């Protein structure tokens, strides 16, 4: 009995201590979780073609050359992007004293980590700590946000600075009037950095959001207050203009034609880049968000459908007609701002002729805010209970069925593919079954916080411990060959000619030398010329080997699953 009393006394003292320092423990817990989501194992797998190997190779060249103004790709001018991403990469290389997968991915992982924490603090500031926890965890565990926060390309950099600019702007509606000018200035600073991250989208997304949301809130005139706009515009131009002026002066008209006309205006309005598969239908990004916002998209769709079904009962038309932004409480103010932001981002990127999966990444911040409110209401108030329960059950059963199917892949998958996924199969099977069965049980017993925690832990575990394995599976379809060939060439001081793989930059990064890329993979004349070069290897696709055997003499050095490395036969 005495031991029991001591135990309860100790337990209560610990609980009291945790409650007293709840803010600090919340931040500590989020930091630990976010470490595993964003940083764990990021240096243990190779850089991915196309963009990761390309951009990191360019950053490495900038770091070694100390030319921090002009971008080069494989020895040629590269005028597609501004340099902020590459500056951040160079800073990482300088801090850690090496160029490798970890130092390349560290800056983007840091931005994903930092922005998730920012979302926590601003959501806490706008509403309360609990809301901050929900929103930050939803953002940090959204599938596409995780993927691109561990992938060394430009989109998370753009998203980070657009996100900070929007956070600064939203704060204008929640702070004292005397402090508003500081948030306006911060908005212009981060918008300028967003432009330096990826050009025009860094301007259009934040300023378009300001335009439409200020009309909705009937605060349009506040934009043009001299104390807000004059210092803000000056700060914006001080960030954006120096590099652009320098490049125009040094490389005009080539820079103007390439950077402004081709890669900004033409890319948005016409089909200049459709030859590489970037033309997509208007609804393309609606489909992307369906998988990019997993696992939270299912509950969001369920609630949305429920609201449409009960449109008349909920009196939305009357609410819209009587809408007054100033009369809203803080949580509904931020929700209103986020809905306008989502609509604007979706319309802007959908209207573009050029579409890539990664472009839509800025939309996940406002989506996380809206979904955070749904889940907080679901967990705390049992609100949206019916539609979210349905979504959880459907998703749960999908996971259970997928887990069961994973048990029997040897029965229906080709032997080679089954071998490729062998290492990840049991891990995926266990995770899917735990998620599926667990979520079904939590819903059955109305333990809705358990469902939320299970979703978060599932995505965190997959991000921390399965990303490497998923990448390794992908590498086996060809890139692993190229990485090995490039490292071989570097070890034996060979130059590389690559036929029919002009966007396979693994060869460029892992060989650390210029690569002679040929776009045509069946040009016998070019391959013969490349084989005749001294100390040069040629990499070709396996499918062209039969034709090469008929027409050329060469030595096979290494043969991979999709590519083969050959060299000319030296005549004695």
Protein backbone atom coordinates (compact mmCIF):
# COMPACT_ATOMS: atom_id res chain seq x y z
CA UNK A 1 0.00 0.00 0.00
CA UNK A 2 2.84 2.34 0.86
CA UNK A 3 4.57 1.54 -2.44
CA UNK A 4 1.34 2.23 -4.32
CA UNK A 5 0.94 5.61 -2.65
CA UNK A 6 4.53 6.52 -3.46
CA UNK A 7 4.03 5.48 -7.07
CA UNK A 8 0.90 7.61 -7.47
CA UNK A 9 2.64 10.52 -5.74
CA UNK A 10 5.58 10.23 -8.14
CA UNK A 11 3.24 9.90 -11.13
CA UNK A 12 1.26 12.99 -10.12
CA UNK A 13 4.42 15.02 -9.60
CA UNK A 14 5.66 14.06 -13.07
CA UNK A 15 2.25 14.88 -14.58
CA UNK A 16 2.20 18.21 -12.78
CA UNK A 17 5.71 19.00 -14.04
CA UNK A 18 4.77 18.15 -17.63
CA UNK A 19 1.62 20.29 -17.45
CA UNK A 20 3.60 23.19 -16.00
CA UNK A 21 6.02 23.09 -18.94
CA UNK A 22 3.53 21.87 -21.56
CA UNK A 23 4.72 24.33 -24.21
CA UNK A 24 8.34 23.25 -23.87
CA UNK A 25 7.51 19.54 -23.92
CA UNK A 26 5.27 20.05 -26.97
CA UNK A 27 8.07 21.75 -28.88
CA UNK A 28 10.55 19.07 -27.81
CA UNK A 29 8.22 16.28 -28.88
CA UNK A 30 7.59 17.89 -32.27
CA UNK A 31 11.31 18.43 -32.83
CA UNK A 32 12.08 14.78 -32.12
CA UNK A 33 9.29 13.56 -34.40
CA UNK A 34 10.21 16.01 -37.16
CA UNK A 35 13.84 14.89 -36.97
CA UNK A 36 12.79 11.35 -37.87
CA UNK A 37 10.42 12.57 -40.58
CA UNK A 38 12.85 14.90 -42.32
CA UNK A 39 16.46 14.07 -41.40
CA UNK A 40 16.77 10.41 -40.50
CA UNK A 41 18.74 8.40 -43.11
CA UNK A 42 18.69 11.17 -45.75
CA UNK A 43 22.32 10.48 -46.68
CA UNK A 44 22.07 6.72 -47.07
CA UNK A 45 20.70 6.52 -50.62
CA UNK A 46 21.86 7.92 -53.94
CA UNK A 47 20.64 11.15 -55.47
CA UNK A 48 17.75 10.62 -57.88
CA UNK A 49 17.56 11.38 -61.58
CA UNK A 50 16.56 13.70 -63.12
CA UNK A 51 16.37 16.85 -61.06
CA UNK A 52 18.17 15.91 -57.85
CA UNK A 53 21.38 14.83 -59.56
CA UNK A 54 21.18 17.77 -61.96
CA UNK A 55 20.71 20.52 -59.38
CA UNK A 56 23.20 19.14 -56.88
CA UNK A 57 25.81 18.75 -59.61
CA UNK A 58 25.24 22.40 -60.55
CA UNK A 59 25.53 23.47 -56.91
CA UNK A 60 28.76 21.48 -56.57
CA UNK A 61 30.20 23.21 -59.64
CA UNK A 62 29.23 26.59 -58.18
CA UNK A 63 30.84 25.66 -54.86
CA UNK A 64 34.12 24.62 -56.48
CA UNK A 65 34.28 27.46 -59.02
CA UNK A 66 33.28 30.18 -56.51
CA UNK A 67 31.19 31.78 -59.28
CA UNK A 68 28.03 32.37 -57.25
CA UNK A 69 26.18 34.34 -59.94
CA UNK A 70 26.11 32.16 -63.05
CA UNK A 71 24.68 28.65 -63.16
CA UNK A 72 26.20 25.95 -65.35
CA UNK A 73 24.95 22.50 -66.25
CA UNK A 74 27.54 20.12 -67.68
CA UNK A 75 29.66 23.07 -68.78
CA UNK A 76 26.83 25.03 -70.44
CA UNK A 77 24.94 28.10 -69.24
CA UNK A 78 21.79 27.28 -67.28
CA UNK A 79 19.34 30.19 -67.29
CA UNK A 80 16.17 28.40 -66.15
CA UNK A 81 16.30 29.19 -62.42
CA UNK A 82 17.44 31.88 -59.98
CA UNK A 83 20.32 30.95 -57.65
CA UNK A 84 18.89 30.89 -54.08
CA UNK A 85 18.59 27.10 -53.90
CA UNK A 86 22.16 26.73 -55.13
CA UNK A 87 23.46 29.29 -52.62
CA UNK A 88 21.86 27.29 -49.82
CA UNK A 89 23.43 24.09 -51.13
CA UNK A 90 26.85 25.76 -51.28
CA UNK A 91 26.43 26.96 -47.70
CA UNK A 92 25.72 23.39 -46.61
CA UNK A 93 28.80 22.13 -48.46
CA UNK A 94 30.90 24.84 -46.81
CA UNK A 95 29.57 24.19 -43.29
CA UNK A 96 30.08 20.41 -43.44
CA UNK A 97 33.19 20.52 -45.63
CA UNK A 98 32.03 17.90 -48.13
CA UNK A 99 29.69 17.29 -51.05
CA UNK A 100 27.61 14.15 -50.67
CA UNK A 101 24.02 12.98 -50.43
CA UNK A 102 23.60 14.11 -46.82
CA UNK A 103 24.96 17.64 -47.27
CA UNK A 104 22.92 17.97 -50.48
CA UNK A 105 19.65 17.00 -48.80
CA UNK A 106 20.30 18.77 -45.50
CA UNK A 107 19.13 22.25 -46.67
CA UNK A 108 15.78 21.02 -48.03
CA UNK A 109 15.19 18.80 -44.99
CA UNK A 110 15.95 21.78 -42.77
CA UNK A 111 13.37 23.88 -44.62
CA UNK A 112 10.72 21.16 -44.25
CA UNK A 113 11.54 20.83 -40.54
CA UNK A 114 11.61 24.59 -39.96
CA UNK A 115 8.39 25.34 -41.82
CA UNK A 116 6.55 22.59 -39.93
CA UNK A 117 7.65 24.24 -36.68
CA UNK A 118 6.64 27.67 -38.02
CA UNK A 119 3.16 26.31 -38.77
CA UNK A 120 2.94 25.06 -35.20
CA UNK A 121 3.90 28.43 -33.69
CA UNK A 122 1.70 30.57 -35.95
CA UNK A 123 -1.31 28.24 -35.54
CA UNK A 124 -0.78 28.41 -31.79
CA UNK A 125 -0.58 32.21 -32.07
CA UNK A 126 -3.70 32.44 -34.24
CA UNK A 127 -5.77 29.98 -32.17
CA UNK A 128 -4.17 27.77 -29.48
CA UNK A 129 -1.43 25.20 -28.85
CA UNK A 130 -3.61 22.19 -29.59
CA UNK A 131 -4.59 23.60 -32.97
CA UNK A 132 -0.91 24.21 -33.66
CA UNK A 133 -0.10 20.56 -32.96
CA UNK A 134 -2.82 19.30 -35.30
CA UNK A 135 -1.90 21.60 -38.20
CA UNK A 136 1.87 21.13 -37.98
CA UNK A 137 1.60 17.34 -37.77
CA UNK A 138 -0.80 17.19 -40.71
CA UNK A 139 1.53 19.28 -42.85
CA UNK A 140 4.66 17.36 -41.83
CA UNK A 141 3.03 13.97 -42.54
CA UNK A 142 1.44 14.82 -45.90
CA UNK A 143 2.93 12.47 -48.48
CA UNK A 144 4.16 14.94 -51.10
CA UNK A 145 5.44 17.42 -48.50
CA UNK A 146 7.51 14.61 -46.93
CA UNK A 147 8.84 13.45 -50.27
CA UNK A 148 9.96 16.86 -51.48
CA UNK A 149 11.42 17.80 -48.10
CA UNK A 150 13.86 14.91 -48.51
CA UNK A 151 14.56 15.50 -52.20
CA UNK A 152 17.22 18.07 -53.09
CA UNK A 153 15.32 20.16 -55.63
CA UNK A 154 13.91 23.68 -55.76
CA UNK A 155 10.24 23.23 -54.91
CA UNK A 156 10.52 22.99 -51.13
CA UNK A 157 12.67 26.14 -51.19
CA UNK A 158 9.95 28.00 -53.10
CA UNK A 159 7.28 26.57 -50.78
CA UNK A 160 9.23 27.60 -47.68
CA UNK A 161 9.53 31.25 -48.68
CA UNK A 162 6.01 31.47 -50.11
CA UNK A 163 4.80 29.92 -46.85
CA UNK A 164 6.70 32.46 -44.75
CA UNK A 165 5.37 35.31 -46.87
CA UNK A 166 1.78 34.05 -46.39
CA UNK A 167 2.32 33.54 -42.66
CA UNK A 168 3.58 37.13 -42.40
CA UNK A 169 0.62 38.43 -44.36
CA UNK A 170 -1.95 36.41 -42.38
CA UNK A 171 -0.44 37.77 -39.17
CA UNK A 172 -1.51 41.26 -40.22
CA UNK A 173 -5.09 40.24 -39.41
CA UNK A 174 -4.23 39.03 -35.90
CA UNK A 175 -1.73 41.53 -34.54
CA UNK A 176 -2.08 45.02 -33.09
CA UNK A 177 -2.38 47.79 -35.67
CA UNK A 178 0.92 49.36 -34.64
CA UNK A 179 2.72 46.07 -35.45
CA UNK A 180 1.10 45.47 -38.85
CA UNK A 181 3.79 47.30 -40.79
CA UNK A 182 6.45 44.85 -39.58
CA UNK A 183 4.50 41.88 -40.88
CA UNK A 184 3.93 43.68 -44.17
CA UNK A 185 7.67 44.25 -44.50
CA UNK A 186 8.34 40.59 -43.66
CA UNK A 187 5.84 39.61 -46.35
CA UNK A 188 7.75 41.56 -49.00
CA UNK A 189 11.10 40.16 -47.84
CA UNK A 190 9.97 36.53 -48.02
CA UNK A 191 8.17 37.13 -51.34
CA UNK A 192 11.46 38.48 -52.70
CA UNK A 193 13.28 35.38 -51.49
CA UNK A 194 10.55 33.22 -53.08
CA UNK A 195 11.27 34.93 -56.42
CA UNK A 196 14.98 34.21 -55.94
CA UNK A 197 14.06 30.59 -55.29
CA UNK A 198 12.08 29.95 -58.47
CA UNK A 199 11.14 33.10 -60.32
CA UNK A 200 7.65 34.31 -61.19
CA UNK A 201 5.64 31.82 -59.02
CA UNK A 202 7.38 33.34 -56.01
CA UNK A 203 5.75 36.65 -56.92
CA UNK A 204 2.38 35.54 -58.30
CA UNK A 205 1.32 33.19 -55.49
CA UNK A 206 1.84 35.52 -52.49
CA UNK A 207 0.76 38.74 -54.19
CA UNK A 208 -2.27 37.07 -55.79
CA UNK A 209 -3.23 35.75 -52.36
CA UNK A 210 -2.97 39.25 -50.90
CA UNK A 211 -5.10 40.68 -53.69
CA UNK A 212 -7.99 38.22 -53.38
CA UNK A 213 -8.00 37.78 -49.61
CA UNK A 214 -7.88 41.54 -48.99
CA UNK A 215 -10.95 41.94 -51.20
CA UNK A 216 -12.69 39.16 -49.28
CA UNK A 217 -11.80 40.81 -45.94
CA UNK A 218 -12.58 44.30 -47.27
CA UNK A 219 -9.05 45.44 -46.37
CA UNK A 220 -7.84 46.23 -49.87
CA UNK A 221 -6.86 49.81 -49.05
CA UNK A 222 -4.48 48.61 -46.34
CA UNK A 223 -2.20 47.23 -49.02
CA UNK A 224 -1.44 50.72 -50.26
CA UNK A 225 -0.73 52.44 -46.97
CA UNK A 226 2.59 54.20 -47.53
CA UNK A 227 4.07 52.78 -44.34
CA UNK A 228 3.30 49.27 -45.58
CA UNK A 229 3.98 49.39 -49.29
CA UNK A 230 6.90 51.80 -49.75
CA UNK A 231 9.42 50.13 -47.40
CA UNK A 232 8.05 46.74 -48.49
CA UNK A 233 8.58 47.34 -52.19
CA UNK A 234 12.07 48.70 -51.53
CA UNK A 235 12.99 45.59 -49.53
CA UNK A 236 11.52 43.34 -52.23
CA UNK A 237 13.48 45.06 -55.00
CA UNK A 238 16.71 45.06 -53.00
CA UNK A 239 16.44 41.28 -52.81
CA UNK A 240 15.27 40.59 -56.37
CA UNK A 241 16.96 43.16 -58.60
CA UNK A 242 20.74 42.86 -58.01
CA UNK A 243 21.16 39.34 -59.40
CA UNK A 244 18.72 39.91 -62.27
CA UNK A 245 20.38 43.18 -63.27
CA UNK A 246 23.83 41.59 -63.08
CA UNK A 247 22.75 38.69 -65.31
CA UNK A 248 21.00 40.94 -67.82
CA UNK A 249 24.04 43.18 -68.09
CA UNK A 250 26.44 40.28 -68.49
CA UNK A 251 24.43 37.93 -70.71
CA UNK A 252 21.90 40.09 -72.56
CA UNK A 253 20.07 39.13 -74.78
CA UNK A 254 20.67 35.41 -74.10
CA UNK A 255 19.61 35.62 -70.46
CA UNK A 256 16.48 37.65 -71.30
CA UNK A 257 15.42 35.21 -74.03
CA UNK A 258 16.10 32.08 -71.99
CA UNK A 259 15.18 33.08 -68.44
CA UNK A 260 12.30 35.54 -68.95
CA UNK A 261 10.77 34.62 -72.30
CA UNK A 262 11.34 30.87 -72.59
CA UNK A 263 11.34 29.66 -69.00
CA UNK A 264 8.74 31.98 -67.52
CA UNK A 265 6.39 33.47 -70.10
CA UNK A 266 6.38 30.68 -72.70
CA UNK A 267 6.37 27.98 -70.05
CA UNK A 268 3.15 29.41 -68.63
CA UNK A 269 1.32 30.35 -71.82
CA UNK A 270 2.23 27.83 -74.48
CA UNK A 271 3.78 24.50 -75.32
CA UNK A 272 7.48 25.37 -75.34
CA UNK A 273 8.31 22.49 -72.99
CA UNK A 274 5.63 20.01 -73.88
CA UNK A 275 8.15 17.92 -75.78
CA UNK A 276 9.37 16.49 -72.47
CA UNK A 277 5.90 15.61 -71.25
CA UNK A 278 4.87 18.63 -69.23
CA UNK A 279 1.55 19.34 -70.88
CA UNK A 280 -1.31 18.17 -68.67
CA UNK A 281 -5.08 18.78 -68.52
CA UNK A 282 -6.54 21.55 -66.37
CA UNK A 283 -7.68 19.11 -63.65
CA UNK A 284 -4.16 17.63 -63.31
CA UNK A 285 -3.39 19.17 -59.91
CA UNK A 286 -6.70 18.07 -58.44
CA UNK A 287 -5.52 14.51 -59.09
CA UNK A 288 -2.04 15.25 -57.70
CA UNK A 289 -3.48 16.52 -54.41
CA UNK A 290 -5.55 13.32 -54.10
CA UNK A 291 -2.34 11.34 -53.51
CA UNK A 292 -0.07 14.17 -52.37
CA UNK A 293 -2.23 14.88 -49.30
CA UNK A 294 -2.42 11.23 -48.18
CA UNK A 295 -3.50 10.21 -45.53
CA UNK A 296 -5.49 13.35 -44.72
CA UNK A 297 -7.19 13.80 -48.10
CA UNK A 298 -9.76 11.05 -47.38
CA UNK A 299 -11.21 12.76 -44.33
CA UNK A 300 -11.18 16.12 -46.08
CA UNK A 301 -13.10 14.75 -49.08
CA UNK A 302 -15.58 12.97 -46.78
CA UNK A 303 -16.34 16.17 -44.86
CA UNK A 304 -16.58 18.16 -48.09
CA UNK A 305 -19.08 15.69 -49.58
CA UNK A 306 -21.09 15.72 -46.36
CA UNK A 307 -21.30 19.50 -46.47
CA UNK A 308 -22.50 19.44 -50.08
CA UNK A 309 -25.17 16.88 -49.24
CA UNK A 310 -26.34 19.00 -46.31
CA UNK A 311 -25.86 22.33 -48.10
CA UNK A 312 -29.39 23.55 -47.50
CA UNK A 313 -29.53 22.36 -43.90
CA UNK A 314 -26.32 24.20 -43.09
CA UNK A 315 -27.65 27.43 -44.67
CA UNK A 316 -24.42 28.20 -46.51
CA UNK A 317 -26.08 30.58 -48.95
CA UNK A 318 -27.37 32.70 -46.09
CA UNK A 319 -23.95 32.57 -44.40
CA UNK A 320 -22.24 33.73 -47.59
CA UNK A 321 -24.68 36.59 -48.05
CA UNK A 322 -24.17 37.70 -44.44
CA UNK A 323 -20.43 37.09 -44.47
CA UNK A 324 -18.44 39.68 -42.53
CA UNK A 325 -14.76 38.92 -42.01
CA UNK A 326 -14.41 41.27 -39.03
CA UNK A 327 -17.13 39.42 -37.11
CA UNK A 328 -15.38 36.05 -37.38
CA UNK A 329 -13.41 34.54 -34.52
CA UNK A 330 -9.71 33.89 -35.06
CA UNK A 331 -10.01 30.31 -36.20
CA UNK A 332 -12.61 31.10 -38.85
CA UNK A 333 -10.62 34.10 -40.03
CA UNK A 334 -7.60 31.93 -40.73
CA UNK A 335 -9.83 29.29 -42.36
CA UNK A 336 -11.35 31.93 -44.67
CA UNK A 337 -7.88 33.19 -45.64
CA UNK A 338 -6.71 29.64 -46.32
CA UNK A 339 -9.67 28.76 -48.55
CA UNK A 340 -9.02 31.77 -50.78
CA UNK A 341 -5.32 30.86 -50.85
CA UNK A 342 -6.08 27.27 -51.90
CA UNK A 343 -8.41 28.38 -54.69
CA UNK A 344 -5.86 30.88 -55.99
CA UNK A 345 -2.92 28.45 -55.91
CA UNK A 346 -4.95 25.75 -57.63
CA UNK A 347 -6.22 28.09 -60.35
CA UNK A 348 -2.81 29.65 -60.99
CA UNK A 349 -0.90 26.41 -61.45
CA UNK A 350 -3.79 24.70 -63.26
CA UNK A 351 -3.98 27.55 -65.78
CA UNK A 352 -0.33 27.07 -66.72
CA UNK A 353 0.44 25.13 -69.88
CA UNK A 354 3.43 23.53 -68.15
CA UNK A 355 2.62 21.24 -65.23
CA UNK A 356 4.85 19.09 -63.07
CA UNK A 357 3.84 17.17 -59.94
CA UNK A 358 6.13 19.23 -57.72
CA UNK A 359 4.75 22.69 -58.62
CA UNK A 360 1.64 22.40 -56.43
CA UNK A 361 3.60 21.96 -53.17
CA UNK A 362 2.68 25.42 -51.70
CA UNK A 363 -0.96 24.32 -51.43
CA UNK A 364 -0.32 21.92 -48.55
CA UNK A 365 0.20 24.65 -45.96
CA UNK A 366 -3.34 26.10 -46.21
CA UNK A 367 -4.76 22.60 -46.66
CA UNK A 368 -3.10 21.57 -43.38
CA UNK A 369 -4.69 24.53 -41.57
CA UNK A 370 -8.19 23.65 -42.78
CA UNK A 371 -7.77 19.92 -42.17
CA UNK A 372 -6.28 20.66 -38.75
CA UNK A 373 -9.54 22.29 -37.69
CA UNK A 374 -11.53 19.32 -39.00
CA UNK A 375 -9.46 16.84 -37.02
CA UNK A 376 -9.42 18.93 -33.86
CA UNK A 377 -13.22 19.17 -33.99
CA UNK A 378 -13.45 15.45 -34.77
CA UNK A 379 -11.19 14.43 -31.87
CA UNK A 380 -12.39 16.92 -29.25
CA UNK A 381 -16.03 17.54 -30.15
CA UNK A 382 -16.96 14.43 -32.18
CA UNK A 383 -17.86 16.83 -34.98
CA UNK A 384 -17.83 15.47 -38.57
CA UNK A 385 -18.02 12.06 -36.89
CA UNK A 386 -20.03 10.25 -39.54
CA UNK A 387 -18.12 11.33 -42.70
CA UNK A 388 -14.65 11.01 -41.14
CA UNK A 389 -15.52 7.62 -39.66
CA UNK A 390 -16.56 6.45 -43.11
CA UNK A 391 -13.30 7.73 -44.63
CA UNK A 392 -11.23 6.07 -41.88
CA UNK A 393 -13.02 2.76 -42.37
CA UNK A 394 -12.57 2.84 -46.15
CA UNK A 395 -8.90 3.76 -45.85
CA UNK A 396 -8.45 1.17 -43.10
CA UNK A 397 -9.89 -1.65 -45.19
CA UNK A 398 -7.83 -0.56 -48.19
CA UNK A 399 -4.70 -0.84 -46.04
CA UNK A 400 -5.76 -4.27 -44.72
CA UNK A 401 -6.42 -5.58 -48.24
CA UNK A 402 -3.14 -4.08 -49.50
CA UNK A 403 -1.30 -5.73 -46.61
CA UNK A 404 -2.87 -9.11 -47.36
CA UNK A 405 -2.01 -8.77 -51.06
CA UNK A 406 1.58 -7.95 -50.08
CA UNK A 407 1.82 -11.38 -48.39
CA UNK A 408 1.23 -13.17 -51.66
CA UNK A 409 3.21 -11.12 -54.18
CA UNK A 410 5.27 -14.20 -55.21
CA UNK A 411 2.04 -15.69 -56.60
CA UNK A 412 1.19 -12.89 -59.02
CA UNK A 413 4.23 -10.67 -59.58
CA UNK A 414 7.06 -11.47 -62.01
CA UNK A 415 10.02 -13.11 -60.29
CA UNK A 416 12.38 -10.22 -61.01
CA UNK A 417 9.96 -7.60 -59.64
CA UNK A 418 9.23 -9.74 -56.59
CA UNK A 419 12.96 -9.97 -55.96
CA UNK A 420 13.27 -6.19 -56.29
CA UNK A 421 10.67 -5.49 -53.62
CA UNK A 422 11.68 -8.32 -51.28
CA UNK A 423 13.41 -6.09 -48.73
CA UNK A 424 10.52 -3.64 -48.46
CA UNK A 425 7.66 -6.15 -48.77
CA UNK A 426 7.44 -7.32 -45.15
CA UNK A 427 7.99 -3.85 -43.77
CA UNK A 428 5.15 -2.52 -45.93
CA UNK A 429 2.94 -5.46 -45.06
CA UNK A 430 3.31 -4.95 -41.30
CA UNK A 431 2.84 -1.17 -41.50
CA UNK A 432 -0.27 -1.48 -43.65
CA UNK A 433 -1.87 -4.10 -41.42
CA UNK A 434 -1.10 -2.16 -38.25
CA UNK A 435 -2.49 1.04 -39.76
CA UNK A 436 -5.56 -0.66 -41.19
CA UNK A 437 -6.53 -2.83 -38.23
CA UNK A 438 -5.56 -0.17 -35.68
CA UNK A 439 -7.61 2.60 -37.30
CA UNK A 440 -10.64 0.31 -37.62
CA UNK A 441 -10.43 -0.59 -33.93
CA UNK A 442 -9.98 3.02 -32.82
CA UNK A 443 -13.05 4.07 -34.82
CA UNK A 444 -15.09 1.19 -33.45
CA UNK A 445 -14.39 2.28 -29.87
CA UNK A 446 -14.57 6.03 -30.74
CA UNK A 447 -10.95 6.70 -29.75
CA UNK A 448 -10.47 9.31 -32.43
CA UNK A 449 -7.23 10.72 -31.06
CA UNK A 450 -5.84 7.22 -31.53
CA UNK A 451 -6.69 7.37 -35.25
CA UNK A 452 -4.89 10.70 -35.60
CA UNK A 453 -1.80 9.47 -33.73
CA UNK A 454 -1.76 6.26 -35.77
CA UNK A 455 -1.82 8.22 -39.06
CA UNK A 456 1.00 10.46 -37.87
CA UNK A 457 3.16 7.58 -36.64
CA UNK A 458 2.56 5.59 -39.83
CA UNK A 459 3.78 8.42 -42.04
CA UNK A 460 6.70 9.17 -39.69
CA UNK A 461 7.84 5.53 -39.66
CA UNK A 462 7.56 5.24 -43.44
CA UNK A 463 9.48 8.48 -43.93
CA UNK A 464 12.24 7.61 -41.46
CA UNK A 465 12.77 3.94 -42.17
CA UNK A 466 11.25 3.06 -45.55
CA UNK A 467 12.30 5.94 -47.81
CA UNK A 468 15.73 4.41 -48.44
CA UNK A 469 14.18 1.08 -49.38
CA UNK A 470 11.64 2.64 -51.75
CA UNK A 471 14.43 4.57 -53.46
CA UNK A 472 16.53 1.40 -53.73
CA UNK A 473 13.66 -0.37 -55.49
CA UNK A 474 13.41 2.49 -57.98
CA UNK A 475 17.17 2.48 -58.60
CA UNK A 476 17.04 -1.14 -59.74
CA UNK A 477 15.12 -0.11 -62.85
CA UNK A 478 18.21 1.50 -64.34
CA UNK A 479 19.68 4.27 -62.23
CA UNK A 480 21.73 1.87 -60.11
CA UNK A 481 23.55 0.87 -63.31
CA UNK A 482 24.39 4.49 -64.09
CA UNK A 483 25.65 5.25 -60.57
CA UNK A 484 27.94 2.20 -60.66
CA UNK A 485 29.18 3.05 -64.15
CA UNK A 486 29.90 6.66 -63.17
CA UNK A 487 31.83 5.60 -60.06
CA UNK A 488 33.79 3.09 -62.14
CA UNK A 489 34.69 5.77 -64.66
CA UNK A 490 35.81 8.08 -61.87
CA UNK A 491 37.96 5.38 -60.28
CA UNK A 492 39.77 4.60 -63.54
CA UNK A 493 39.82 8.18 -64.83
CA UNK A 494 37.62 7.54 -67.86
CA UNK A 495 35.57 10.13 -69.66
CA UNK A 496 31.94 9.22 -70.42
CA UNK A 497 29.83 9.32 -73.55
CA UNK A 498 26.17 8.52 -72.96
CA UNK A 499 23.86 7.65 -75.83
CA UNK A 500 20.09 8.10 -75.59
CA UNK A 501 20.15 9.35 -71.98
CA UNK A 502 20.67 13.09 -72.20
CA UNK A 503 18.80 13.69 -68.89
CA UNK A 504 20.51 10.99 -66.79
CA UNK A 505 22.58 13.25 -64.56
CA UNK A 506 23.71 10.45 -62.24
CA UNK A 507 26.57 10.12 -64.70
CA UNK A 508 27.44 13.78 -64.26
CA UNK A 509 27.24 13.87 -60.46
CA UNK A 510 28.90 10.57 -59.58
CA UNK A 511 31.68 10.86 -62.15
CA UNK A 512 32.36 14.49 -61.23
CA UNK A 513 33.43 15.24 -64.80
CA UNK A 514 31.66 16.59 -67.88
CA UNK A 515 29.63 13.99 -69.76
CA UNK A 516 29.20 13.83 -73.54
CA UNK A 517 25.44 13.29 -73.84
CA UNK A 518 23.85 12.13 -77.09
CA UNK A 519 20.08 12.30 -77.40
CA UNK A 520 19.87 9.55 -80.06
CA UNK A 521 20.48 6.02 -78.80
CA UNK A 522 20.71 4.26 -82.19
CA UNK A 523 23.14 6.54 -84.00
CA UNK A 524 25.83 4.03 -84.97
CA UNK A 525 28.06 6.71 -86.43
CA UNK A 526 28.16 8.68 -83.17
CA UNK A 527 28.76 5.58 -81.07
CA UNK A 528 31.61 4.52 -83.35
CA UNK A 529 33.14 7.97 -82.96
CA UNK A 530 32.79 7.80 -79.16
CA UNK A 531 34.39 4.33 -79.04
CA UNK A 532 37.39 5.67 -80.92
CA UNK A 533 38.14 8.30 -78.25
CA UNK A 534 41.10 7.61 -76.03
CA UNK A 535 40.36 6.70 -72.42
CA UNK A 536 36.61 6.98 -72.99
CA UNK A 537 33.74 4.66 -72.13
CA UNK A 538 30.36 4.62 -73.84
CA UNK A 539 27.10 3.87 -72.04
CA UNK A 540 24.23 2.55 -74.14
CA UNK A 541 20.81 1.05 -73.55
CA UNK A 542 20.69 -2.74 -73.58
CA UNK A 543 18.06 -2.74 -76.30
CA UNK A 544 20.53 -1.34 -78.86
CA UNK A 545 23.25 -3.95 -78.18
CA UNK A 546 22.13 -6.42 -80.89
CA UNK A 547 22.44 -3.72 -83.54
CA UNK A 548 25.82 -2.63 -82.18
CA UNK A 549 27.17 -6.21 -82.30
CA UNK A 550 26.31 -6.32 -86.01
CA UNK A 551 28.12 -3.09 -86.88
CA UNK A 552 30.89 -2.37 -84.35
CA UNK A 553 33.71 -3.95 -82.43
CA UNK A 554 33.81 -3.16 -78.72
CA UNK A 555 34.48 -4.58 -75.29
CA UNK A 556 31.72 -4.89 -72.68
CA UNK A 557 33.01 -3.65 -69.33
CA UNK A 558 29.84 -3.92 -67.28
CA UNK A 559 26.29 -4.89 -68.15
CA UNK A 560 23.42 -3.82 -65.94
CA UNK A 561 19.70 -4.37 -65.92
CA UNK A 562 18.96 -1.62 -68.42
CA UNK A 563 22.30 -0.14 -69.51
CA UNK A 564 25.68 -1.44 -70.62
CA UNK A 565 29.12 0.16 -70.39
CA UNK A 566 31.41 -0.49 -73.36
CA UNK A 567 34.70 0.77 -74.73
CA UNK A 568 36.58 0.52 -77.98
CA UNK A 569 39.03 -2.31 -78.60
CA UNK A 570 42.59 -1.08 -78.69
CA UNK A 571 44.41 -2.46 -81.72
CA UNK A 572 47.97 -3.61 -81.13
